[in-house]
């Protein structure tokens, strides 16, 4: 998947999180500290023992999947997509956020909106 930046908003607190999709350089460099700082407790509890058992080598595969996992966790917590930037097809967006999309037209150009 291409690098896309998503802006997600928590409806209860109006807190906005900006998350990049794709490879996580932070996870590669800082390992289990990333889920700790993001307060992503499930990923932290899974990643930390594996990180120490593999002497830090687990950061490599986790760097490829962590951002997507974190985005899924935020959607499960009730965050809503405000907007995204980047070149993303409708299928990629739908597979990323797993909610129905509505196609609209503006000046004969298709616009994908979130239902």
N, C-alpha and C. Protein backbone atom coordinates (compact mmCIF):
# COMPACT_ATOMS: atom_id res chain seq x y z
N UNK A 1 0.83 -1.18 0.00
CA UNK A 1 0.00 0.00 0.00
C UNK A 1 0.88 1.24 0.00
N UNK A 2 0.41 2.23 -0.72
CA UNK A 2 1.14 3.49 -0.78
C UNK A 2 1.04 4.22 0.56
N UNK A 3 1.95 5.17 0.75
CA UNK A 3 1.90 5.97 1.97
C UNK A 3 0.79 7.00 1.87
N UNK A 4 -0.13 6.93 2.79
CA UNK A 4 -1.26 7.83 2.87
C UNK A 4 -1.33 8.32 4.31
N UNK A 5 -1.71 9.56 4.49
CA UNK A 5 -1.86 10.12 5.83
C UNK A 5 -3.34 10.26 6.12
N UNK A 6 -3.78 9.64 7.23
CA UNK A 6 -5.18 9.69 7.64
C UNK A 6 -5.32 10.60 8.85
N UNK A 7 -6.38 11.36 8.89
CA UNK A 7 -6.73 12.15 10.06
C UNK A 7 -7.98 11.54 10.67
N UNK A 8 -7.85 11.07 11.90
CA UNK A 8 -8.95 10.41 12.59
C UNK A 8 -9.36 11.24 13.80
N UNK A 9 -10.67 11.28 14.06
CA UNK A 9 -11.19 12.09 15.16
C UNK A 9 -12.00 11.22 16.11
N UNK A 10 -11.75 11.39 17.41
CA UNK A 10 -12.52 10.71 18.44
C UNK A 10 -13.78 11.53 18.69
N UNK A 11 -14.98 10.95 18.47
CA UNK A 11 -16.20 11.74 18.62
C UNK A 11 -16.49 12.17 20.06
N UNK A 12 -16.01 11.43 21.05
CA UNK A 12 -16.28 11.80 22.44
C UNK A 12 -15.40 12.95 22.91
N UNK A 13 -14.12 12.92 22.57
CA UNK A 13 -13.18 13.93 23.09
C UNK A 13 -12.77 14.96 22.04
N UNK A 14 -13.18 14.77 20.79
CA UNK A 14 -12.77 15.63 19.67
C UNK A 14 -11.26 15.65 19.47
N UNK A 15 -10.57 14.64 19.97
CA UNK A 15 -9.13 14.52 19.78
C UNK A 15 -8.86 14.02 18.37
N UNK A 16 -7.90 14.63 17.70
CA UNK A 16 -7.56 14.26 16.32
C UNK A 16 -6.19 13.59 16.31
N UNK A 17 -6.11 12.46 15.64
CA UNK A 17 -4.83 11.75 15.47
C UNK A 17 -4.52 11.68 13.99
N UNK A 18 -3.29 11.98 13.66
CA UNK A 18 -2.82 11.92 12.27
C UNK A 18 -1.87 10.73 12.17
N UNK A 19 -2.24 9.79 11.31
CA UNK A 19 -1.49 8.54 11.20
C UNK A 19 -1.12 8.27 9.76
N UNK A 20 0.11 7.88 9.57
CA UNK A 20 0.61 7.52 8.25
C UNK A 20 0.44 6.01 8.06
N UNK A 21 0.00 5.62 6.88
CA UNK A 21 -0.12 4.19 6.60
C UNK A 21 1.20 3.69 6.02
N UNK A 22 1.31 2.40 5.90
CA UNK A 22 2.52 1.83 5.30
C UNK A 22 3.58 1.51 6.35
N UNK A 23 4.80 1.49 5.93
CA UNK A 23 5.94 1.11 6.77
C UNK A 23 6.12 2.09 7.91
N UNK A 24 6.38 1.58 9.12
CA UNK A 24 6.56 2.42 10.30
C UNK A 24 8.03 2.49 10.69
N UNK A 25 8.66 3.59 10.33
CA UNK A 25 10.07 3.78 10.70
C UNK A 25 10.23 3.91 12.21
N UNK A 26 9.25 4.49 12.86
CA UNK A 26 9.31 4.62 14.32
C UNK A 26 9.36 3.26 14.98
N UNK A 27 8.52 2.32 14.50
CA UNK A 27 8.51 0.98 15.08
C UNK A 27 9.83 0.27 14.81
N UNK A 28 10.39 0.47 13.64
CA UNK A 28 11.68 -0.16 13.33
C UNK A 28 12.77 0.36 14.26
N UNK A 29 12.79 1.66 14.51
CA UNK A 29 13.87 2.26 15.30
C UNK A 29 13.65 2.17 16.81
N UNK A 30 12.38 2.30 17.25
CA UNK A 30 12.13 2.37 18.68
C UNK A 30 11.40 1.17 19.25
N UNK A 31 11.04 0.22 18.40
CA UNK A 31 10.49 -1.05 18.85
C UNK A 31 9.22 -0.94 19.68
N UNK A 32 9.23 -1.63 20.82
CA UNK A 32 8.03 -1.72 21.65
C UNK A 32 7.64 -0.39 22.30
N UNK A 33 8.50 0.62 22.21
CA UNK A 33 8.19 1.91 22.81
C UNK A 33 7.08 2.64 22.05
N UNK A 34 6.91 2.38 20.75
CA UNK A 34 5.91 3.08 19.95
C UNK A 34 4.50 2.78 20.46
N UNK A 35 4.09 1.51 20.63
CA UNK A 35 2.75 1.27 21.17
C UNK A 35 2.60 1.82 22.60
N UNK A 36 3.67 1.85 23.36
CA UNK A 36 3.62 2.40 24.70
C UNK A 36 3.31 3.89 24.67
N UNK A 37 4.00 4.64 23.83
CA UNK A 37 3.76 6.08 23.74
C UNK A 37 2.40 6.41 23.13
N UNK A 38 1.92 5.56 22.23
CA UNK A 38 0.60 5.78 21.61
C UNK A 38 -0.54 5.25 22.49
N UNK A 39 -0.21 4.66 23.61
CA UNK A 39 -1.18 4.05 24.53
C UNK A 39 -2.02 2.99 23.84
N UNK A 40 -1.37 2.22 23.00
CA UNK A 40 -1.97 1.09 22.30
C UNK A 40 -1.61 -0.16 23.10
N UNK A 41 -2.37 -0.39 24.18
CA UNK A 41 -1.98 -1.39 25.17
C UNK A 41 -1.98 -2.81 24.64
N UNK A 42 -2.93 -3.17 23.79
CA UNK A 42 -2.95 -4.54 23.25
C UNK A 42 -1.70 -4.83 22.43
N UNK A 43 -1.34 -3.92 21.55
CA UNK A 43 -0.13 -4.12 20.75
C UNK A 43 1.11 -4.11 21.62
N UNK A 44 1.10 -3.27 22.64
CA UNK A 44 2.25 -3.22 23.55
C UNK A 44 2.43 -4.57 24.26
N UNK A 45 1.33 -5.15 24.74
CA UNK A 45 1.43 -6.43 25.45
C UNK A 45 1.82 -7.58 24.54
N UNK A 46 1.46 -7.51 23.29
CA UNK A 46 1.85 -8.54 22.33
C UNK A 46 3.30 -8.35 21.88
N UNK A 47 3.65 -7.11 21.57
CA UNK A 47 4.94 -6.81 20.96
C UNK A 47 6.11 -6.90 21.95
N UNK A 48 5.93 -6.46 23.18
CA UNK A 48 7.03 -6.38 24.14
C UNK A 48 7.70 -7.73 24.42
N UNK A 49 6.96 -8.78 24.79
CA UNK A 49 7.66 -10.06 25.03
C UNK A 49 8.34 -10.61 23.78
N UNK A 50 7.67 -10.45 22.63
CA UNK A 50 8.27 -10.95 21.39
C UNK A 50 9.55 -10.17 21.07
N UNK A 51 9.52 -8.87 21.33
CA UNK A 51 10.69 -8.02 21.10
C UNK A 51 11.89 -8.50 21.91
N UNK A 52 11.67 -8.79 23.19
CA UNK A 52 12.79 -9.22 24.04
C UNK A 52 13.23 -10.65 23.75
N UNK A 53 12.29 -11.53 23.40
CA UNK A 53 12.65 -12.91 23.07
C UNK A 53 13.52 -12.96 21.82
N UNK A 54 13.22 -12.08 20.86
CA UNK A 54 13.98 -12.08 19.60
C UNK A 54 15.13 -11.07 19.61
N UNK A 55 15.44 -10.51 20.78
CA UNK A 55 16.53 -9.53 20.92
C UNK A 55 16.36 -8.34 19.98
N UNK A 56 15.11 -7.88 19.84
CA UNK A 56 14.84 -6.70 19.04
C UNK A 56 14.61 -6.93 17.56
N UNK A 57 14.84 -8.14 17.09
CA UNK A 57 14.67 -8.42 15.66
C UNK A 57 13.20 -8.41 15.24
N UNK A 58 12.28 -8.51 16.19
CA UNK A 58 10.85 -8.49 15.86
C UNK A 58 10.41 -7.13 15.34
N UNK A 59 11.23 -6.11 15.54
CA UNK A 59 10.89 -4.78 15.04
C UNK A 59 10.77 -4.76 13.52
N UNK A 60 11.51 -5.61 12.85
CA UNK A 60 11.50 -5.60 11.38
C UNK A 60 10.13 -6.00 10.84
N UNK A 61 9.58 -7.18 11.19
CA UNK A 61 8.25 -7.50 10.65
C UNK A 61 7.14 -6.61 11.22
N UNK A 62 7.27 -6.22 12.49
CA UNK A 62 6.25 -5.36 13.08
C UNK A 62 6.21 -3.99 12.41
N UNK A 63 7.32 -3.52 11.90
CA UNK A 63 7.35 -2.21 11.23
C UNK A 63 6.48 -2.21 9.97
N UNK A 64 6.31 -3.37 9.35
CA UNK A 64 5.49 -3.45 8.15
C UNK A 64 3.99 -3.48 8.45
N UNK A 65 3.58 -3.92 9.63
CA UNK A 65 2.16 -4.11 9.92
C UNK A 65 1.61 -3.21 11.01
N UNK A 66 2.47 -2.55 11.78
CA UNK A 66 1.98 -1.86 12.97
C UNK A 66 1.04 -0.69 12.66
N UNK A 67 1.34 0.14 11.68
CA UNK A 67 0.48 1.30 11.40
C UNK A 67 -0.93 0.86 11.02
N UNK A 68 -1.05 -0.16 10.20
CA UNK A 68 -2.38 -0.65 9.81
C UNK A 68 -3.12 -1.21 11.02
N UNK A 69 -2.42 -1.94 11.86
CA UNK A 69 -3.03 -2.49 13.08
C UNK A 69 -3.50 -1.37 14.00
N UNK A 70 -2.71 -0.32 14.12
CA UNK A 70 -3.06 0.81 14.98
C UNK A 70 -4.29 1.55 14.44
N UNK A 71 -4.37 1.71 13.13
CA UNK A 71 -5.53 2.35 12.51
C UNK A 71 -6.79 1.52 12.76
N UNK A 72 -6.69 0.21 12.61
CA UNK A 72 -7.82 -0.67 12.89
C UNK A 72 -8.26 -0.56 14.34
N UNK A 73 -7.30 -0.47 15.25
CA UNK A 73 -7.61 -0.32 16.68
C UNK A 73 -8.36 0.98 16.94
N UNK A 74 -7.92 2.06 16.30
CA UNK A 74 -8.60 3.34 16.50
C UNK A 74 -10.03 3.31 15.96
N UNK A 75 -10.25 2.67 14.80
CA UNK A 75 -11.61 2.56 14.28
C UNK A 75 -12.48 1.72 15.20
N UNK A 76 -11.91 0.68 15.81
CA UNK A 76 -12.66 -0.14 16.76
C UNK A 76 -13.04 0.67 17.99
N UNK A 77 -12.21 1.63 18.37
CA UNK A 77 -12.50 2.49 19.52
C UNK A 77 -13.53 3.57 19.20
N UNK A 78 -13.90 3.70 17.92
CA UNK A 78 -14.93 4.65 17.54
C UNK A 78 -14.43 5.89 16.83
N UNK A 79 -13.15 5.96 16.50
CA UNK A 79 -12.63 7.12 15.77
C UNK A 79 -13.25 7.17 14.38
N UNK A 80 -13.45 8.37 13.85
CA UNK A 80 -14.01 8.58 12.52
C UNK A 80 -12.96 9.21 11.62
N UNK A 81 -13.03 8.87 10.34
CA UNK A 81 -12.10 9.44 9.37
C UNK A 81 -12.54 10.85 9.02
N UNK A 82 -11.66 11.83 9.23
CA UNK A 82 -11.94 13.20 8.83
C UNK A 82 -11.56 13.41 7.38
N UNK A 83 -10.31 13.12 7.05
CA UNK A 83 -9.85 13.24 5.67
C UNK A 83 -8.56 12.45 5.53
N UNK A 84 -8.16 12.27 4.29
CA UNK A 84 -6.89 11.60 4.02
C UNK A 84 -6.19 12.31 2.89
N UNK A 85 -4.88 12.19 2.86
CA UNK A 85 -4.09 12.75 1.78
C UNK A 85 -3.27 11.62 1.16
N UNK A 86 -3.04 11.73 -0.11
CA UNK A 86 -2.26 10.73 -0.80
C UNK A 86 -3.05 10.11 -1.93
N UNK A 87 -2.36 9.37 -2.76
CA UNK A 87 -2.96 8.72 -3.91
C UNK A 87 -3.48 7.36 -3.46
N UNK A 88 -4.78 7.25 -3.33
CA UNK A 88 -5.38 6.04 -2.80
C UNK A 88 -6.61 5.69 -3.63
N UNK A 89 -6.72 4.44 -4.04
CA UNK A 89 -7.91 4.02 -4.79
C UNK A 89 -9.04 3.73 -3.82
N UNK A 90 -10.25 3.66 -4.35
CA UNK A 90 -11.41 3.38 -3.50
C UNK A 90 -11.29 2.02 -2.83
N UNK A 91 -10.79 1.02 -3.55
CA UNK A 91 -10.64 -0.32 -2.97
C UNK A 91 -9.63 -0.32 -1.82
N UNK A 92 -8.53 0.40 -2.00
CA UNK A 92 -7.53 0.47 -0.93
C UNK A 92 -8.08 1.17 0.30
N UNK A 93 -8.82 2.26 0.08
CA UNK A 93 -9.40 2.98 1.21
C UNK A 93 -10.42 2.10 1.93
N UNK A 94 -11.24 1.40 1.17
CA UNK A 94 -12.26 0.55 1.79
C UNK A 94 -11.62 -0.61 2.54
N UNK A 95 -10.54 -1.18 2.02
CA UNK A 95 -9.87 -2.27 2.73
C UNK A 95 -9.18 -1.76 3.99
N UNK A 96 -8.77 -0.51 3.97
CA UNK A 96 -8.09 0.07 5.13
C UNK A 96 -9.06 0.40 6.25
N UNK A 97 -10.18 1.01 5.92
CA UNK A 97 -11.08 1.47 6.98
C UNK A 97 -12.30 0.58 7.19
N UNK A 98 -12.61 -0.29 6.24
CA UNK A 98 -13.68 -1.28 6.37
C UNK A 98 -15.03 -0.69 6.71
N UNK A 99 -15.39 0.42 6.07
CA UNK A 99 -16.73 0.98 6.20
C UNK A 99 -17.22 1.32 4.80
N UNK A 100 -18.57 1.33 4.59
CA UNK A 100 -19.07 1.57 3.23
C UNK A 100 -18.78 2.99 2.75
N UNK A 101 -18.56 3.10 1.47
CA UNK A 101 -18.28 4.39 0.85
C UNK A 101 -19.38 4.74 -0.13
N UNK A 102 -19.62 6.02 -0.31
CA UNK A 102 -20.61 6.50 -1.26
C UNK A 102 -19.86 7.25 -2.35
N UNK A 103 -20.18 6.95 -3.60
CA UNK A 103 -19.53 7.68 -4.69
C UNK A 103 -20.44 8.82 -5.12
N UNK A 104 -19.89 10.02 -5.15
CA UNK A 104 -20.63 11.20 -5.59
C UNK A 104 -19.87 11.83 -6.73
N UNK A 105 -20.56 12.70 -7.46
CA UNK A 105 -19.90 13.38 -8.57
C UNK A 105 -19.96 14.88 -8.36
N UNK A 106 -18.87 15.54 -8.64
CA UNK A 106 -18.78 16.99 -8.59
C UNK A 106 -18.10 17.42 -9.88
N UNK A 107 -18.81 18.16 -10.71
CA UNK A 107 -18.28 18.59 -12.01
C UNK A 107 -17.80 17.40 -12.83
N UNK A 108 -18.60 16.32 -12.82
CA UNK A 108 -18.31 15.08 -13.56
C UNK A 108 -17.05 14.37 -13.09
N UNK A 109 -16.52 14.71 -11.92
CA UNK A 109 -15.39 14.02 -11.33
C UNK A 109 -15.89 13.21 -10.14
N UNK A 110 -15.57 11.89 -10.09
CA UNK A 110 -16.07 11.09 -8.96
C UNK A 110 -15.39 11.50 -7.65
N UNK A 111 -16.20 11.57 -6.61
CA UNK A 111 -15.70 11.87 -5.27
C UNK A 111 -16.14 10.71 -4.39
N UNK A 112 -15.25 10.19 -3.60
CA UNK A 112 -15.59 9.10 -2.70
C UNK A 112 -15.84 9.71 -1.33
N UNK A 113 -17.03 9.47 -0.78
CA UNK A 113 -17.39 9.98 0.53
C UNK A 113 -17.64 8.80 1.46
N UNK A 114 -17.56 9.08 2.72
CA UNK A 114 -17.76 8.04 3.72
C UNK A 114 -19.20 8.07 4.17
N UNK A 115 -19.83 6.90 4.18
CA UNK A 115 -21.25 6.80 4.57
C UNK A 115 -21.40 6.97 6.05
